[in-house]
Amino acid sequence: MKLAGILLIVAGIAGVIYGGFSYTSHKKAMDLGPIQIEKTEHHNVPIPPILGLVGIVAGGALLFMGAREGR
């Protein structure tokens, strides 16, 4: 439980700091034998700050539960 809590806290902090991530996809637009045309698209995926805060709070709760369980 402690490891999951730490990972949630780290992911929550990263979500709050970066606010999302982006990726690039390549699609084949046309294929005429030896002639090929590709289309490159850039996509942005926003992560709401509240989701990062929920991850931090949930990770803290898991750390707290893990500490109580060890007693």
PDB file of N, CA and C in Angstrom:
ATOM      1  N   MET A   1       0.817  -1.191   0.000  1.00  0.00           N
ATOM      2  CA  MET A   1       0.000   0.000   0.000  1.00  0.00           C
ATOM      3  C   MET A   1       0.865   1.261   0.000  1.00  0.00           C
ATOM      4  N   LYS A   2       2.003   1.163   0.670  1.00  0.00           N
ATOM      5  CA  LYS A   2       2.866   2.336   0.723  1.00  0.00           C
ATOM      6  C   LYS A   2       3.393   2.698  -0.674  1.00  0.00           C
ATOM      7  N   LEU A   3       3.770   1.679  -1.444  1.00  0.00           N
ATOM      8  CA  LEU A   3       4.299   1.933  -2.778  1.00  0.00           C
ATOM      9  C   LEU A   3       3.231   2.562  -3.668  1.00  0.00           C
ATOM     10  N   ALA A   4       2.009   2.055  -3.593  1.00  0.00           N
ATOM     11  CA  ALA A   4       0.918   2.621  -4.388  1.00  0.00           C
ATOM     12  C   ALA A   4       0.648   4.063  -3.964  1.00  0.00           C
ATOM     13  N   GLY A   5       0.730   4.347  -2.681  1.00  0.00           N
ATOM     14  CA  GLY A   5       0.527   5.701  -2.186  1.00  0.00           C
ATOM     15  C   GLY A   5       1.590   6.655  -2.705  1.00  0.00           C
ATOM     16  N   ILE A   6       2.837   6.203  -2.688  1.00  0.00           N
ATOM     17  CA  ILE A   6       3.935   7.042  -3.175  1.00  0.00           C
ATOM     18  C   ILE A   6       3.776   7.294  -4.674  1.00  0.00           C
ATOM     19  N   LEU A   7       3.417   6.250  -5.429  1.00  0.00           N
ATOM     20  CA  LEU A   7       3.228   6.424  -6.869  1.00  0.00           C
ATOM     21  C   LEU A   7       2.072   7.381  -7.172  1.00  0.00           C
ATOM     22  N   LEU A   8       0.993   7.310  -6.409  1.00  0.00           N
ATOM     23  CA  LEU A   8      -0.122   8.234  -6.615  1.00  0.00           C
ATOM     24  C   LEU A   8       0.273   9.677  -6.313  1.00  0.00           C
ATOM     25  N   ILE A   9       1.049   9.861  -5.263  1.00  0.00           N
ATOM     26  CA  ILE A   9       1.494  11.211  -4.911  1.00  0.00           C
ATOM     27  C   ILE A   9       2.398  11.779  -6.013  1.00  0.00           C
ATOM     28  N   VAL A  10       3.328  10.972  -6.497  1.00  0.00           N
ATOM     29  CA  VAL A  10       4.240  11.426  -7.554  1.00  0.00           C
ATOM     30  C   VAL A  10       3.456  11.739  -8.833  1.00  0.00           C
ATOM     31  N   ALA A  11       2.516  10.861  -9.195  1.00  0.00           N
ATOM     32  CA  ALA A  11       1.712  11.095 -10.397  1.00  0.00           C
ATOM     33  C   ALA A  11       0.836  12.334 -10.232  1.00  0.00           C
ATOM     34  N   GLY A  12       0.297  12.551  -9.030  1.00  0.00           N
ATOM     35  CA  GLY A  12      -0.516  13.737  -8.773  1.00  0.00           C
ATOM     36  C   GLY A  12       0.285  15.018  -8.882  1.00  0.00           C
ATOM     37  N   ILE A  13       1.495  15.009  -8.338  1.00  0.00           N
ATOM     38  CA  ILE A  13       2.356  16.187  -8.419  1.00  0.00           C
ATOM     39  C   ILE A  13       2.730  16.466  -9.873  1.00  0.00           C
ATOM     40  N   ALA A  14       3.059  15.402 -10.621  1.00  0.00           N
ATOM     41  CA  ALA A  14       3.401  15.578 -12.038  1.00  0.00           C
ATOM     42  C   ALA A  14       2.205  16.116 -12.817  1.00  0.00           C
ATOM     43  N   GLY A  15       1.005  15.643 -12.486  1.00  0.00           N
ATOM     44  CA  GLY A  15      -0.196  16.129 -13.174  1.00  0.00           C
ATOM     45  C   GLY A  15      -0.469  17.595 -12.904  1.00  0.00           C
ATOM     46  N   VAL A  16      -0.218  18.027 -11.674  1.00  0.00           N
ATOM     47  CA  VAL A  16      -0.437  19.433 -11.326  1.00  0.00           C
ATOM     48  C   VAL A  16       0.619  20.319 -11.999  1.00  0.00           C
ATOM     49  N   ILE A  17       1.869  19.856 -12.009  1.00  0.00           N
ATOM     50  CA  ILE A  17       2.949  20.671 -12.563  1.00  0.00           C
ATOM     51  C   ILE A  17       2.846  20.770 -14.091  1.00  0.00           C
ATOM     52  N   TYR A  18       2.699  19.638 -14.768  1.00  0.00           N
ATOM     53  CA  TYR A  18       2.712  19.634 -16.233  1.00  0.00           C
ATOM     54  C   TYR A  18       1.355  19.959 -16.844  1.00  0.00           C
ATOM     55  N   GLY A  19       0.268  19.594 -16.204  1.00  0.00           N
ATOM     56  CA  GLY A  19      -1.056  19.930 -16.708  1.00  0.00           C
ATOM     57  C   GLY A  19      -1.512  19.127 -17.915  1.00  0.00           C
ATOM     58  N   GLY A  20      -0.783  18.113 -18.297  1.00  0.00           N
ATOM     59  CA  GLY A  20      -1.175  17.272 -19.422  1.00  0.00           C
ATOM     60  C   GLY A  20       0.030  16.753 -20.168  1.00  0.00           C
ATOM     61  N   PHE A  21      -0.242  16.074 -21.259  1.00  0.00           N
ATOM     62  CA  PHE A  21       0.842  15.565 -22.081  1.00  0.00           C
ATOM     63  C   PHE A  21       0.420  15.635 -23.541  1.00  0.00           C
ATOM     64  N   SER A  22       1.393  15.500 -24.422  1.00  0.00           N
ATOM     65  CA  SER A  22       1.105  15.544 -25.848  1.00  0.00           C
ATOM     66  C   SER A  22       1.786  14.363 -26.531  1.00  0.00           C
ATOM     67  N   TYR A  23       1.230  13.992 -27.675  1.00  0.00           N
ATOM     68  CA  TYR A  23       1.824  12.925 -28.467  1.00  0.00           C
ATOM     69  C   TYR A  23       1.577  13.207 -29.942  1.00  0.00           C
ATOM     70  N   THR A  24       2.349  12.537 -30.783  1.00  0.00           N
ATOM     71  CA  THR A  24       2.266  12.720 -32.223  1.00  0.00           C
ATOM     72  C   THR A  24       1.859  11.404 -32.868  1.00  0.00           C
ATOM     73  N   SER A  25       0.929  11.470 -33.804  1.00  0.00           N
ATOM     74  CA  SER A  25       0.531  10.272 -34.539  1.00  0.00           C
ATOM     75  C   SER A  25       0.795  10.478 -36.023  1.00  0.00           C
ATOM     76  N   HIS A  26       1.142   9.395 -36.694  1.00  0.00           N
ATOM     77  CA  HIS A  26       1.412   9.416 -38.128  1.00  0.00           C
ATOM     78  C   HIS A  26       0.357   8.563 -38.822  1.00  0.00           C
ATOM     79  N   LYS A  27      -0.294   9.133 -39.816  1.00  0.00           N
ATOM     80  CA  LYS A  27      -1.306   8.406 -40.582  1.00  0.00           C
ATOM     81  C   LYS A  27      -0.953   8.456 -42.056  1.00  0.00           C
ATOM     82  N   LYS A  28      -1.226   7.361 -42.735  1.00  0.00           N
ATOM     83  CA  LYS A  28      -0.977   7.306 -44.167  1.00  0.00           C
ATOM     84  C   LYS A  28      -2.151   7.977 -44.873  1.00  0.00           C
ATOM     85  N   ALA A  29      -1.897   9.085 -45.557  1.00  0.00           N
ATOM     86  CA  ALA A  29      -2.951   9.830 -46.236  1.00  0.00           C
ATOM     87  C   ALA A  29      -3.201   9.283 -47.637  1.00  0.00           C
ATOM     88  N   MET A  30      -2.120   8.868 -48.313  1.00  0.00           N
ATOM     89  CA  MET A  30      -2.280   8.384 -49.676  1.00  0.00           C
ATOM     90  C   MET A  30      -1.178   7.375 -49.977  1.00  0.00           C
ATOM     91  N   ASP A  31      -1.545   6.315 -50.676  1.00  0.00           N
ATOM     92  CA  ASP A  31      -0.574   5.296 -51.056  1.00  0.00           C
ATOM     93  C   ASP A  31      -0.791   4.951 -52.532  1.00  0.00           C
ATOM     94  N   LEU A  32       0.073   5.482 -53.373  1.00  0.00           N
ATOM     95  CA  LEU A  32      -0.015   5.245 -54.814  1.00  0.00           C
ATOM     96  C   LEU A  32       1.232   4.502 -55.272  1.00  0.00           C
ATOM     97  N   GLY A  33       1.362   3.259 -54.866  1.00  0.00           N
ATOM     98  CA  GLY A  33       2.538   2.475 -55.238  1.00  0.00           C
ATOM     99  C   GLY A  33       3.776   3.017 -54.556  1.00  0.00           C
ATOM    100  N   PRO A  34       4.740   3.502 -55.344  1.00  0.00           N
ATOM    101  CA  PRO A  34       5.978   3.997 -54.728  1.00  0.00           C
ATOM    102  C   PRO A  34       5.815   5.371 -54.069  1.00  0.00           C
ATOM    103  N   ILE A  35       4.710   6.053 -54.344  1.00  0.00           N
ATOM    104  CA  ILE A  35       4.482   7.375 -53.759  1.00  0.00           C
ATOM    105  C   ILE A  35       3.564   7.223 -52.546  1.00  0.00           C
ATOM    106  N   GLN A  36       4.066   7.645 -51.399  1.00  0.00           N
ATOM    107  CA  GLN A  36       3.287   7.575 -50.167  1.00  0.00           C
ATOM    108  C   GLN A  36       3.292   8.935 -49.499  1.00  0.00           C
ATOM    109  N   ILE A  37       2.139   9.344 -49.033  1.00  0.00           N
ATOM    110  CA  ILE A  37       2.016  10.618 -48.330  1.00  0.00           C
ATOM    111  C   ILE A  37       1.533  10.329 -46.916  1.00  0.00           C
ATOM    112  N   GLU A  38       2.265  10.824 -45.927  1.00  0.00           N
ATOM    113  CA  GLU A  38       1.891  10.648 -44.531  1.00  0.00           C
ATOM    114  C   GLU A  38       1.448  11.971 -43.934  1.00  0.00           C
ATOM    115  N   LYS A  39       0.530  11.878 -43.016  1.00  0.00           N
ATOM    116  CA  LYS A  39       0.029  13.058 -42.320  1.00  0.00           C
ATOM    117  C   LYS A  39       0.422  12.934 -40.849  1.00  0.00           C
ATOM    118  N   THR A  40       1.048  13.965 -40.327  1.00  0.00           N
ATOM    119  CA  THR A  40       1.463  13.981 -38.929  1.00  0.00           C
ATOM    120  C   THR A  40       0.511  14.878 -38.145  1.00  0.00           C
ATOM    121  N   GLU A  41      -0.024  14.336 -37.051  1.00  0.00           N
ATOM    122  CA  GLU A  41      -0.936  15.105 -36.205  1.00  0.00           C
ATOM    123  C   GLU A  41      -0.377  15.184 -34.789  1.00  0.00           C
ATOM    124  N   HIS A  42      -0.445  16.369 -34.210  1.00  0.00           N
ATOM    125  CA  HIS A  42      -0.028  16.584 -32.830  1.00  0.00           C
ATOM    126  C   HIS A  42      -1.276  16.671 -31.967  1.00  0.00           C
ATOM    127  N   HIS A  43      -1.310  15.879 -30.894  1.00  0.00           N
ATOM    128  CA  HIS A  43      -2.455  15.833 -30.002  1.00  0.00           C
ATOM    129  C   HIS A  43      -2.037  16.272 -28.606  1.00  0.00           C
ATOM    130  N   ASN A  44      -2.876  17.066 -27.950  1.00  0.00           N
ATOM    131  CA  ASN A  44      -2.657  17.472 -26.568  1.00  0.00           C
ATOM    132  C   ASN A  44      -3.751  16.862 -25.704  1.00  0.00           C
ATOM    133  N   VAL A  45      -3.353  16.251 -24.576  1.00  0.00           N
ATOM    134  CA  VAL A  45      -4.307  15.672 -23.642  1.00  0.00           C
ATOM    135  C   VAL A  45      -4.165  16.435 -22.327  1.00  0.00           C
ATOM    136  N   PRO A  46      -5.112  17.318 -22.023  1.00  0.00           N
ATOM    137  CA  PRO A  46      -5.011  18.078 -20.774  1.00  0.00           C
ATOM    138  C   PRO A  46      -5.432  17.237 -19.570  1.00  0.00           C
ATOM    139  N   ILE A  47      -4.766  17.454 -18.455  1.00  0.00           N
ATOM    140  CA  ILE A  47      -5.130  16.806 -17.200  1.00  0.00           C
ATOM    141  C   ILE A  47      -5.596  17.913 -16.258  1.00  0.00           C
ATOM    142  N   PRO A  48      -6.846  17.839 -15.790  1.00  0.00           N
ATOM    143  CA  PRO A  48      -7.340  18.879 -14.893  1.00  0.00           C
ATOM    144  C   PRO A  48      -6.542  18.897 -13.577  1.00  0.00           C
ATOM    145  N   PRO A  49      -6.251  20.076 -13.046  1.00  0.00           N
ATOM    146  CA  PRO A  49      -5.497  20.157 -11.796  1.00  0.00           C
ATOM    147  C   PRO A  49      -6.203  19.448 -10.632  1.00  0.00           C
ATOM    148  N   ILE A  50      -7.525  19.424 -10.659  1.00  0.00           N
ATOM    149  CA  ILE A  50      -8.248  18.764  -9.569  1.00  0.00           C
ATOM    150  C   ILE A  50      -7.945  17.269  -9.555  1.00  0.00           C
ATOM    151  N   LEU A  51      -7.716  16.679 -10.724  1.00  0.00           N
ATOM    152  CA  LEU A  51      -7.381  15.256 -10.795  1.00  0.00           C
ATOM    153  C   LEU A  51      -6.019  14.994 -10.147  1.00  0.00           C
ATOM    154  N   GLY A  52      -5.068  15.899 -10.351  1.00  0.00           N
ATOM    155  CA  GLY A  52      -3.769  15.777  -9.691  1.00  0.00           C
ATOM    156  C   GLY A  52      -3.888  15.903  -8.185  1.00  0.00           C
ATOM    157  N   LEU A  53      -4.726  16.832  -7.735  1.00  0.00           N
ATOM    158  CA  LEU A  53      -4.923  16.995  -6.291  1.00  0.00           C
ATOM    159  C   LEU A  53      -5.598  15.766  -5.682  1.00  0.00           C
ATOM    160  N   VAL A  54      -6.536  15.177  -6.400  1.00  0.00           N
ATOM    161  CA  VAL A  54      -7.184  13.956  -5.911  1.00  0.00           C
ATOM    162  C   VAL A  54      -6.161  12.831  -5.790  1.00  0.00           C
ATOM    163  N   GLY A  55      -5.246  12.735  -6.743  1.00  0.00           N
ATOM    164  CA  GLY A  55      -4.188  11.729  -6.677  1.00  0.00           C
ATOM    165  C   GLY A  55      -3.276  11.933  -5.478  1.00  0.00           C
ATOM    166  N   ILE A  56      -2.952  13.189  -5.180  1.00  0.00           N
ATOM    167  CA  ILE A  56      -2.097  13.480  -4.027  1.00  0.00           C
ATOM    168  C   ILE A  56      -2.802  13.107  -2.730  1.00  0.00           C
ATOM    169  N   VAL A  57      -4.076  13.470  -2.613  1.00  0.00           N
ATOM    170  CA  VAL A  57      -4.838  13.163  -1.393  1.00  0.00           C
ATOM    171  C   VAL A  57      -5.031  11.655  -1.244  1.00  0.00           C
ATOM    172  N   ALA A  58      -5.345  10.962  -2.344  1.00  0.00           N
ATOM    173  CA  ALA A  58      -5.535   9.511  -2.277  1.00  0.00           C
ATOM    174  C   ALA A  58      -4.220   8.811  -1.920  1.00  0.00           C
ATOM    175  N   GLY A  59      -3.108   9.284  -2.473  1.00  0.00           N
ATOM    176  CA  GLY A  59      -1.805   8.716  -2.124  1.00  0.00           C
ATOM    177  C   GLY A  59      -1.465   8.938  -0.662  1.00  0.00           C
ATOM    178  N   GLY A  60      -1.779  10.121  -0.156  1.00  0.00           N
ATOM    179  CA  GLY A  60      -1.561  10.385   1.273  1.00  0.00           C
ATOM    180  C   GLY A  60      -2.411   9.480   2.146  1.00  0.00           C
ATOM    181  N   ALA A  61      -3.651   9.244   1.728  1.00  0.00           N
ATOM    182  CA  ALA A  61      -4.527   8.347   2.490  1.00  0.00           C
ATOM    183  C   ALA A  61      -3.976   6.919   2.483  1.00  0.00           C
ATOM    184  N   LEU A  62      -3.460   6.470   1.354  1.00  0.00           N
ATOM    185  CA  LEU A  62      -2.876   5.127   1.303  1.00  0.00           C
ATOM    186  C   LEU A  62      -1.632   5.023   2.170  1.00  0.00           C
ATOM    187  N   LEU A  63      -0.814   6.068   2.174  1.00  0.00           N
ATOM    188  CA  LEU A  63       0.366   6.062   3.059  1.00  0.00           C
ATOM    189  C   LEU A  63      -0.046   6.029   4.519  1.00  0.00           C
ATOM    190  N   PHE A  64      -1.076   6.785   4.860  1.00  0.00           N
ATOM    191  CA  PHE A  64      -1.565   6.815   6.233  1.00  0.00           C
ATOM    192  C   PHE A  64      -2.109   5.442   6.630  1.00  0.00           C
ATOM    193  N   MET A  65      -2.878   4.814   5.745  1.00  0.00           N
ATOM    194  CA  MET A  65      -3.428   3.485   6.034  1.00  0.00           C
ATOM    195  C   MET A  65      -2.316   2.449   6.140  1.00  0.00           C
ATOM    196  N   GLY A  66      -1.310   2.571   5.309  1.00  0.00           N
ATOM    197  CA  GLY A  66      -0.176   1.643   5.368  1.00  0.00           C
ATOM    198  C   GLY A  66       0.606   1.786   6.647  1.00  0.00           C
ATOM    199  N   ALA A  67       0.741   2.997   7.152  1.00  0.00           N
ATOM    200  CA  ALA A  67       1.449   3.230   8.406  1.00  0.00           C
ATOM    201  C   ALA A  67       0.655   2.653   9.584  1.00  0.00           C
ATOM    202  N   ARG A  68      -0.670   2.800   9.548  1.00  0.00           N
ATOM    203  CA  ARG A  68      -1.517   2.269  10.627  1.00  0.00           C
ATOM    204  C   ARG A  68      -1.543   0.739  10.590  1.00  0.00           C
ATOM    205  N   GLU A  69      -1.449   0.167   9.384  1.00  0.00           N
ATOM    206  CA  GLU A  69      -1.513  -1.282   9.232  1.00  0.00           C
ATOM    207  C   GLU A  69      -0.241  -1.941   9.780  1.00  0.00           C
ATOM    208  N   GLY A  70       0.864  -1.244   9.725  1.00  0.00           N
ATOM    209  CA  GLY A  70       2.143  -1.791  10.180  1.00  0.00           C
ATOM    210  C   GLY A  70       2.265  -1.897  11.694  1.00  0.00           C
ATOM    211  N   ARG A  71       1.387  -1.271  12.431  1.00  0.00           N
ATOM    212  CA  ARG A  71       1.466  -1.279  13.896  1.00  0.00           C
ATOM    213  C   ARG A  71       1.001  -2.571  14.494  1.00  0.00           C
TER     214      ARG A  71
END
